[in-house]
């Protein structure tokens, strides 16, 4: 008679639309909702982007796209049962 323990990890899904909106409105700070690593990368990229205002017009939409894709990937992993 085997008594194996079953562990259930509960994690909530993330809204890709909200992730994209937060990324577009708040840049790297909004990216924290979907991906911490991406937020750190974009914080560094935006340090260079502040030198030129044009850089910000390029990097903030990238934050929105990255947030959308990261939230979508997170949800797909949850549905697949892996982390």
PDB file of N, CA and C in Angstrom:
ATOM      1  N   UNK A   1       0.843  -1.181   0.000  1.00  0.00           N
ATOM      2  CA  UNK A   1       0.000   0.000   0.000  1.00  0.00           C
ATOM      3  C   UNK A   1       0.893   1.250   0.000  1.00  0.00           C
ATOM      4  N   UNK A   2       0.788   2.009  -1.049  1.00  0.00           N
ATOM      5  CA  UNK A   2       1.621   3.196  -1.205  1.00  0.00           C
ATOM      6  C   UNK A   2       0.827   4.442  -0.830  1.00  0.00           C
ATOM      7  N   UNK A   3       1.461   5.281  -0.070  1.00  0.00           N
ATOM      8  CA  UNK A   3       0.807   6.541   0.309  1.00  0.00           C
ATOM      9  C   UNK A   3       1.593   7.698  -0.293  1.00  0.00           C
ATOM     10  N   UNK A   4       1.324   7.968  -1.533  1.00  0.00           N
ATOM     11  CA  UNK A   4       1.987   9.071  -2.220  1.00  0.00           C
ATOM     12  C   UNK A   4       1.200  10.353  -1.996  1.00  0.00           C
ATOM     13  N   UNK A   5       1.928  11.400  -1.766  1.00  0.00           N
ATOM     14  CA  UNK A   5       1.287  12.704  -1.589  1.00  0.00           C
ATOM     15  C   UNK A   5       1.142  13.379  -2.945  1.00  0.00           C
ATOM     16  N   UNK A   6       0.018  13.993  -3.133  1.00  0.00           N
ATOM     17  CA  UNK A   6      -0.206  14.732  -4.361  1.00  0.00           C
ATOM     18  C   UNK A   6      -0.134  16.217  -4.029  1.00  0.00           C
ATOM     19  N   UNK A   7       0.699  16.929  -4.745  1.00  0.00           N
ATOM     20  CA  UNK A   7       0.880  18.358  -4.527  1.00  0.00           C
ATOM     21  C   UNK A   7       0.186  19.109  -5.653  1.00  0.00           C
ATOM     22  N   UNK A   8      -0.646  20.058  -5.285  1.00  0.00           N
ATOM     23  CA  UNK A   8      -1.352  20.867  -6.270  1.00  0.00           C
ATOM     24  C   UNK A   8      -0.885  22.305  -6.122  1.00  0.00           C
ATOM     25  N   UNK A   9      -0.374  22.848  -7.200  1.00  0.00           N
ATOM     26  CA  UNK A   9       0.080  24.245  -7.206  1.00  0.00           C
ATOM     27  C   UNK A   9      -0.968  25.065  -7.942  1.00  0.00           C
ATOM     28  N   UNK A  10      -1.499  26.043  -7.259  1.00  0.00           N
ATOM     29  CA  UNK A  10      -2.542  26.879  -7.843  1.00  0.00           C
ATOM     30  C   UNK A  10      -1.917  28.210  -8.243  1.00  0.00           C
ATOM     31  N   UNK A  11      -2.081  28.544  -9.491  1.00  0.00           N
ATOM     32  CA  UNK A  11      -1.539  29.796 -10.015  1.00  0.00           C
ATOM     33  C   UNK A  11      -2.585  30.403 -10.939  1.00  0.00           C
ATOM     34  N   UNK A  12      -2.730  31.686 -10.882  1.00  0.00           N
ATOM     35  CA  UNK A  12      -3.767  32.326 -11.692  1.00  0.00           C
ATOM     36  C   UNK A  12      -3.247  32.669 -13.089  1.00  0.00           C
ATOM     37  N   UNK A  13      -4.187  32.739 -14.014  1.00  0.00           N
ATOM     38  CA  UNK A  13      -3.842  33.136 -15.381  1.00  0.00           C
ATOM     39  C   UNK A  13      -3.631  34.645 -15.418  1.00  0.00           C
ATOM     40  N   UNK A  14      -2.903  35.080 -16.416  1.00  0.00           N
ATOM     41  CA  UNK A  14      -2.654  36.503 -16.602  1.00  0.00           C
ATOM     42  C   UNK A  14      -3.344  36.944 -17.888  1.00  0.00           C
ATOM     43  N   UNK A  15      -3.909  38.119 -17.850  1.00  0.00           N
ATOM     44  CA  UNK A  15      -4.621  38.648 -19.004  1.00  0.00           C
ATOM     45  C   UNK A  15      -3.626  39.244 -20.001  1.00  0.00           C
ATOM     46  N   UNK A  16      -3.522  38.677 -21.209  1.00  0.00           N
ATOM     47  CA  UNK A  16      -2.616  39.248 -22.214  1.00  0.00           C
ATOM     48  C   UNK A  16      -2.993  40.678 -22.602  1.00  0.00           C
ATOM     49  N   UNK A  17      -4.291  40.968 -22.649  1.00  0.00           N
ATOM     50  CA  UNK A  17      -4.717  42.330 -22.988  1.00  0.00           C
ATOM     51  C   UNK A  17      -4.288  43.336 -21.942  1.00  0.00           C
ATOM     52  N   UNK A  18      -4.459  42.976 -20.676  1.00  0.00           N
ATOM     53  CA  UNK A  18      -4.035  43.854 -19.583  1.00  0.00           C
ATOM     54  C   UNK A  18      -2.523  44.011 -19.586  1.00  0.00           C
ATOM     55  N   UNK A  19      -1.803  42.925 -19.854  1.00  0.00           N
ATOM     56  CA  UNK A  19      -0.340  42.982 -19.906  1.00  0.00           C
ATOM     57  C   UNK A  19       0.127  43.939 -21.001  1.00  0.00           C
ATOM     58  N   UNK A  20      -0.524  43.885 -22.171  1.00  0.00           N
ATOM     59  CA  UNK A  20      -0.163  44.777 -23.276  1.00  0.00           C
ATOM     60  C   UNK A  20      -0.476  46.230 -22.923  1.00  0.00           C
ATOM     61  N   UNK A  21      -1.626  46.451 -22.317  1.00  0.00           N
ATOM     62  CA  UNK A  21      -2.011  47.810 -21.932  1.00  0.00           C
ATOM     63  C   UNK A  21      -1.043  48.393 -20.908  1.00  0.00           C
ATOM     64  N   UNK A  22      -0.714  47.619 -19.890  1.00  0.00           N
ATOM     65  CA  UNK A  22       0.217  48.089 -18.862  1.00  0.00           C
ATOM     66  C   UNK A  22       1.599  48.362 -19.447  1.00  0.00           C
ATOM     67  N   UNK A  23       2.040  47.493 -20.354  1.00  0.00           N
ATOM     68  CA  UNK A  23       3.336  47.698 -20.994  1.00  0.00           C
ATOM     69  C   UNK A  23       3.375  48.953 -21.843  1.00  0.00           C
ATOM     70  N   UNK A  24       2.283  49.223 -22.567  1.00  0.00           N
ATOM     71  CA  UNK A  24       2.232  50.429 -23.411  1.00  0.00           C
ATOM     72  C   UNK A  24       2.109  51.704 -22.582  1.00  0.00           C
ATOM     73  N   UNK A  25       1.344  51.646 -21.510  1.00  0.00           N
ATOM     74  CA  UNK A  25       1.133  52.850 -20.701  1.00  0.00           C
ATOM     75  C   UNK A  25       2.281  53.159 -19.754  1.00  0.00           C
ATOM     76  N   UNK A  26       2.865  52.109 -19.153  1.00  0.00           N
ATOM     77  CA  UNK A  26       3.867  52.326 -18.112  1.00  0.00           C
ATOM     78  C   UNK A  26       5.250  51.797 -18.463  1.00  0.00           C
ATOM     79  N   UNK A  27       5.410  51.295 -19.671  1.00  0.00           N
ATOM     80  CA  UNK A  27       6.721  50.805 -20.103  1.00  0.00           C
ATOM     81  C   UNK A  27       7.187  49.625 -19.269  1.00  0.00           C
ATOM     82  N   UNK A  28       8.448  49.641 -18.856  1.00  0.00           N
ATOM     83  CA  UNK A  28       8.998  48.514 -18.104  1.00  0.00           C
ATOM     84  C   UNK A  28       8.289  48.273 -16.769  1.00  0.00           C
ATOM     85  N   UNK A  29       7.777  49.312 -16.174  1.00  0.00           N
ATOM     86  CA  UNK A  29       7.054  49.150 -14.913  1.00  0.00           C
ATOM     87  C   UNK A  29       5.787  48.319 -15.130  1.00  0.00           C
ATOM     88  N   UNK A  30       5.090  48.532 -16.225  1.00  0.00           N
ATOM     89  CA  UNK A  30       3.913  47.740 -16.550  1.00  0.00           C
ATOM     90  C   UNK A  30       4.264  46.319 -16.951  1.00  0.00           C
ATOM     91  N   UNK A  31       5.483  46.140 -17.435  1.00  0.00           N
ATOM     92  CA  UNK A  31       5.941  44.815 -17.841  1.00  0.00           C
ATOM     93  C   UNK A  31       6.140  43.897 -16.642  1.00  0.00           C
ATOM     94  N   UNK A  32       6.266  44.465 -15.460  1.00  0.00           N
ATOM     95  CA  UNK A  32       6.410  43.659 -14.250  1.00  0.00           C
ATOM     96  C   UNK A  32       5.214  42.746 -14.017  1.00  0.00           C
ATOM     97  N   UNK A  33       4.044  43.099 -14.528  1.00  0.00           N
ATOM     98  CA  UNK A  33       2.851  42.270 -14.383  1.00  0.00           C
ATOM     99  C   UNK A  33       3.039  40.900 -15.027  1.00  0.00           C
ATOM    100  N   UNK A  34       3.707  40.867 -16.167  1.00  0.00           N
ATOM    101  CA  UNK A  34       3.797  39.613 -16.908  1.00  0.00           C
ATOM    102  C   UNK A  34       5.159  38.930 -16.811  1.00  0.00           C
ATOM    103  N   UNK A  35       6.228  39.690 -16.751  1.00  0.00           N
ATOM    104  CA  UNK A  35       7.562  39.087 -16.718  1.00  0.00           C
ATOM    105  C   UNK A  35       8.562  39.989 -16.009  1.00  0.00           C
ATOM    106  N   UNK A  36       9.154  39.473 -14.965  1.00  0.00           N
ATOM    107  CA  UNK A  36      10.154  40.235 -14.215  1.00  0.00           C
ATOM    108  C   UNK A  36      11.452  40.397 -14.984  1.00  0.00           C
ATOM    109  N   UNK A  37      11.876  39.332 -15.662  1.00  0.00           N
ATOM    110  CA  UNK A  37      13.118  39.389 -16.435  1.00  0.00           C
ATOM    111  C   UNK A  37      13.008  40.394 -17.577  1.00  0.00           C
ATOM    112  N   UNK A  38      11.883  40.371 -18.267  1.00  0.00           N
ATOM    113  CA  UNK A  38      11.670  41.329 -19.356  1.00  0.00           C
ATOM    114  C   UNK A  38      11.645  42.759 -18.858  1.00  0.00           C
ATOM    115  N   UNK A  39      11.089  42.964 -17.675  1.00  0.00           N
ATOM    116  CA  UNK A  39      11.044  44.308 -17.097  1.00  0.00           C
ATOM    117  C   UNK A  39      12.447  44.821 -16.806  1.00  0.00           C
ATOM    118  N   UNK A  40      13.293  43.961 -16.261  1.00  0.00           N
ATOM    119  CA  UNK A  40      14.672  44.375 -15.961  1.00  0.00           C
ATOM    120  C   UNK A  40      15.414  44.724 -17.242  1.00  0.00           C
ATOM    121  N   UNK A  41      15.246  43.894 -18.265  1.00  0.00           N
ATOM    122  CA  UNK A  41      15.903  44.156 -19.551  1.00  0.00           C
ATOM    123  C   UNK A  41      15.443  45.498 -20.114  1.00  0.00           C
ATOM    124  N   UNK A  42      14.132  45.733 -20.076  1.00  0.00           N
ATOM    125  CA  UNK A  42      13.622  46.980 -20.652  1.00  0.00           C
ATOM    126  C   UNK A  42      13.958  48.200 -19.797  1.00  0.00           C
ATOM    127  N   UNK A  43      14.121  48.023 -18.482  1.00  0.00           N
ATOM    128  CA  UNK A  43      14.595  49.138 -17.657  1.00  0.00           C
ATOM    129  C   UNK A  43      15.973  49.587 -18.129  1.00  0.00           C
ATOM    130  N   UNK A  44      16.845  48.622 -18.398  1.00  0.00           N
ATOM    131  CA  UNK A  44      18.199  48.942 -18.866  1.00  0.00           C
ATOM    132  C   UNK A  44      18.137  49.585 -20.249  1.00  0.00           C
ATOM    133  N   UNK A  45      17.331  49.024 -21.133  1.00  0.00           N
ATOM    134  CA  UNK A  45      17.203  49.585 -22.488  1.00  0.00           C
ATOM    135  C   UNK A  45      16.648  51.009 -22.421  1.00  0.00           C
ATOM    136  N   UNK A  46      15.703  51.248 -21.523  1.00  0.00           N
ATOM    137  CA  UNK A  46      15.112  52.583 -21.413  1.00  0.00           C
ATOM    138  C   UNK A  46      16.056  53.598 -20.805  1.00  0.00           C
ATOM    139  N   UNK A  47      17.038  53.168 -20.047  1.00  0.00           N
ATOM    140  CA  UNK A  47      18.047  54.109 -19.564  1.00  0.00           C
ATOM    141  C   UNK A  47      18.754  54.756 -20.742  1.00  0.00           C
ATOM    142  N   UNK A  48      19.022  53.962 -21.762  1.00  0.00           N
ATOM    143  CA  UNK A  48      19.618  54.495 -22.984  1.00  0.00           C
ATOM    144  C   UNK A  48      18.567  55.283 -23.764  1.00  0.00           C
ATOM    145  N   UNK A  49      17.312  54.816 -23.731  1.00  0.00           N
ATOM    146  CA  UNK A  49      16.236  55.471 -24.473  1.00  0.00           C
ATOM    147  C   UNK A  49      15.911  56.863 -23.966  1.00  0.00           C
ATOM    148  N   UNK A  50      16.174  57.143 -22.685  1.00  0.00           N
ATOM    149  CA  UNK A  50      15.888  58.470 -22.149  1.00  0.00           C
ATOM    150  C   UNK A  50      16.813  59.530 -22.743  1.00  0.00           C
ATOM    151  N   UNK A  51      17.949  59.087 -23.267  1.00  0.00           N
ATOM    152  CA  UNK A  51      18.853  60.029 -23.918  1.00  0.00           C
ATOM    153  C   UNK A  51      18.172  60.627 -25.136  1.00  0.00           C
ATOM    154  N   UNK A  52      17.434  59.808 -25.841  1.00  0.00           N
ATOM    155  CA  UNK A  52      16.679  60.296 -26.991  1.00  0.00           C
ATOM    156  C   UNK A  52      15.200  60.000 -26.768  1.00  0.00           C
ATOM    157  N   UNK A  53      14.373  60.973 -26.977  1.00  0.00           N
ATOM    158  CA  UNK A  53      12.936  60.797 -26.800  1.00  0.00           C
ATOM    159  C   UNK A  53      12.396  59.818 -27.827  1.00  0.00           C
ATOM    160  N   UNK A  54      13.013  59.767 -28.988  1.00  0.00           N
ATOM    161  CA  UNK A  54      12.584  58.838 -30.031  1.00  0.00           C
ATOM    162  C   UNK A  54      12.736  57.400 -29.548  1.00  0.00           C
ATOM    163  N   UNK A  55      13.764  57.145 -28.753  1.00  0.00           N
ATOM    164  CA  UNK A  55      13.969  55.811 -28.204  1.00  0.00           C
ATOM    165  C   UNK A  55      12.797  55.345 -27.374  1.00  0.00           C
ATOM    166  N   UNK A  56      12.162  56.263 -26.669  1.00  0.00           N
ATOM    167  CA  UNK A  56      11.012  55.905 -25.843  1.00  0.00           C
ATOM    168  C   UNK A  56       9.804  55.536 -26.699  1.00  0.00           C
ATOM    169  N   UNK A  57       9.649  56.185 -27.842  1.00  0.00           N
ATOM    170  CA  UNK A  57       8.538  55.856 -28.733  1.00  0.00           C
ATOM    171  C   UNK A  57       8.707  54.470 -29.355  1.00  0.00           C
ATOM    172  N   UNK A  58       9.916  53.961 -29.328  1.00  0.00           N
ATOM    173  CA  UNK A  58      10.174  52.623 -29.853  1.00  0.00           C
ATOM    174  C   UNK A  58      10.090  51.581 -28.741  1.00  0.00           C
ATOM    175  N   UNK A  59      10.669  51.879 -27.575  1.00  0.00           N
ATOM    176  CA  UNK A  59      10.760  50.868 -26.520  1.00  0.00           C
ATOM    177  C   UNK A  59       9.434  50.620 -25.799  1.00  0.00           C
ATOM    178  N   UNK A  60       8.596  51.624 -25.627  1.00  0.00           N
ATOM    179  CA  UNK A  60       7.348  51.415 -24.877  1.00  0.00           C
ATOM    180  C   UNK A  60       6.375  50.505 -25.625  1.00  0.00           C
ATOM    181  N   UNK A  61       6.196  50.652 -26.939  1.00  0.00           N
ATOM    182  CA  UNK A  61       5.351  49.670 -27.641  1.00  0.00           C
ATOM    183  C   UNK A  61       5.952  48.260 -27.593  1.00  0.00           C
ATOM    184  N   UNK A  62       7.273  48.157 -27.580  1.00  0.00           N
ATOM    185  CA  UNK A  62       7.916  46.849 -27.441  1.00  0.00           C
ATOM    186  C   UNK A  62       7.562  46.243 -26.087  1.00  0.00           C
ATOM    187  N   UNK A  63       7.499  47.074 -25.047  1.00  0.00           N
ATOM    188  CA  UNK A  63       7.090  46.593 -23.723  1.00  0.00           C
ATOM    189  C   UNK A  63       5.671  46.033 -23.776  1.00  0.00           C
ATOM    190  N   UNK A  64       4.793  46.693 -24.491  1.00  0.00           N
ATOM    191  CA  UNK A  64       3.422  46.213 -24.622  1.00  0.00           C
ATOM    192  C   UNK A  64       3.364  44.874 -25.339  1.00  0.00           C
ATOM    193  N   UNK A  65       4.102  44.748 -26.418  1.00  0.00           N
ATOM    194  CA  UNK A  65       4.136  43.490 -27.177  1.00  0.00           C
ATOM    195  C   UNK A  65       4.758  42.375 -26.342  1.00  0.00           C
ATOM    196  N   UNK A  66       5.861  42.674 -25.666  1.00  0.00           N
ATOM    197  CA  UNK A  66       6.543  41.687 -24.841  1.00  0.00           C
ATOM    198  C   UNK A  66       5.630  41.226 -23.703  1.00  0.00           C
ATOM    199  N   UNK A  67       4.915  42.169 -23.094  1.00  0.00           N
ATOM    200  CA  UNK A  67       3.982  41.821 -22.027  1.00  0.00           C
ATOM    201  C   UNK A  67       2.878  40.902 -22.516  1.00  0.00           C
ATOM    202  N   UNK A  68       2.336  41.206 -23.676  1.00  0.00           N
ATOM    203  CA  UNK A  68       1.285  40.368 -24.261  1.00  0.00           C
ATOM    204  C   UNK A  68       1.787  38.951 -24.495  1.00  0.00           C
ATOM    205  N   UNK A  69       2.953  38.838 -25.140  1.00  0.00           N
ATOM    206  CA  UNK A  69       3.496  37.523 -25.456  1.00  0.00           C
ATOM    207  C   UNK A  69       3.870  36.743 -24.198  1.00  0.00           C
ATOM    208  N   UNK A  70       4.408  37.432 -23.190  1.00  0.00           N
ATOM    209  CA  UNK A  70       4.788  36.752 -21.949  1.00  0.00           C
ATOM    210  C   UNK A  70       3.563  36.234 -21.201  1.00  0.00           C
ATOM    211  N   UNK A  71       2.497  37.018 -21.150  1.00  0.00           N
ATOM    212  CA  UNK A  71       1.276  36.574 -20.475  1.00  0.00           C
ATOM    213  C   UNK A  71       0.641  35.407 -21.225  1.00  0.00           C
ATOM    214  N   UNK A  72       0.662  35.472 -22.543  1.00  0.00           N
ATOM    215  CA  UNK A  72       0.104  34.394 -23.350  1.00  0.00           C
ATOM    216  C   UNK A  72       0.890  33.098 -23.140  1.00  0.00           C
ATOM    217  N   UNK A  73       2.210  33.198 -23.108  1.00  0.00           N
ATOM    218  CA  UNK A  73       3.068  32.031 -22.886  1.00  0.00           C
ATOM    219  C   UNK A  73       2.846  31.464 -21.481  1.00  0.00           C
ATOM    220  N   UNK A  74       2.699  32.334 -20.493  1.00  0.00           N
ATOM    221  CA  UNK A  74       2.427  31.912 -19.112  1.00  0.00           C
ATOM    222  C   UNK A  74       1.135  31.093 -19.055  1.00  0.00           C
ATOM    223  N   UNK A  75       0.099  31.580 -19.709  1.00  0.00           N
ATOM    224  CA  UNK A  75      -1.192  30.877 -19.708  1.00  0.00           C
ATOM    225  C   UNK A  75      -1.107  29.539 -20.435  1.00  0.00           C
ATOM    226  N   UNK A  76      -0.350  29.485 -21.526  1.00  0.00           N
ATOM    227  CA  UNK A  76      -0.191  28.228 -22.261  1.00  0.00           C
ATOM    228  C   UNK A  76       0.525  27.192 -21.415  1.00  0.00           C
ATOM    229  N   UNK A  77       1.530  27.619 -20.637  1.00  0.00           N
ATOM    230  CA  UNK A  77       2.232  26.695 -19.754  1.00  0.00           C
ATOM    231  C   UNK A  77       1.324  26.173 -18.658  1.00  0.00           C
ATOM    232  N   UNK A  78       0.453  27.052 -18.144  1.00  0.00           N
ATOM    233  CA  UNK A  78      -0.494  26.608 -17.120  1.00  0.00           C
ATOM    234  C   UNK A  78      -1.453  25.553 -17.672  1.00  0.00           C
ATOM    235  N   UNK A  79      -1.937  25.769 -18.884  1.00  0.00           N
ATOM    236  CA  UNK A  79      -2.878  24.827 -19.486  1.00  0.00           C
ATOM    237  C   UNK A  79      -2.190  23.500 -19.814  1.00  0.00           C
ATOM    238  N   UNK A  80      -0.907  23.566 -20.139  1.00  0.00           N
ATOM    239  CA  UNK A  80      -0.160  22.346 -20.457  1.00  0.00           C
ATOM    240  C   UNK A  80       0.206  21.569 -19.180  1.00  0.00           C
ATOM    241  N   UNK A  81       0.120  22.221 -18.042  1.00  0.00           N
ATOM    242  CA  UNK A  81       0.417  21.555 -16.784  1.00  0.00           C
ATOM    243  C   UNK A  81       1.852  21.637 -16.344  1.00  0.00           C
ATOM    244  N   UNK A  82       2.668  22.435 -17.034  1.00  0.00           N
ATOM    245  CA  UNK A  82       4.061  22.601 -16.629  1.00  0.00           C
ATOM    246  C   UNK A  82       4.301  24.028 -16.211  1.00  0.00           C
ATOM    247  N   UNK A  83       5.420  24.244 -15.572  1.00  0.00           N
ATOM    248  CA  UNK A  83       5.724  25.596 -15.118  1.00  0.00           C
ATOM    249  C   UNK A  83       6.827  26.199 -15.886  1.00  0.00           C
TER     250      UNK A  83
END
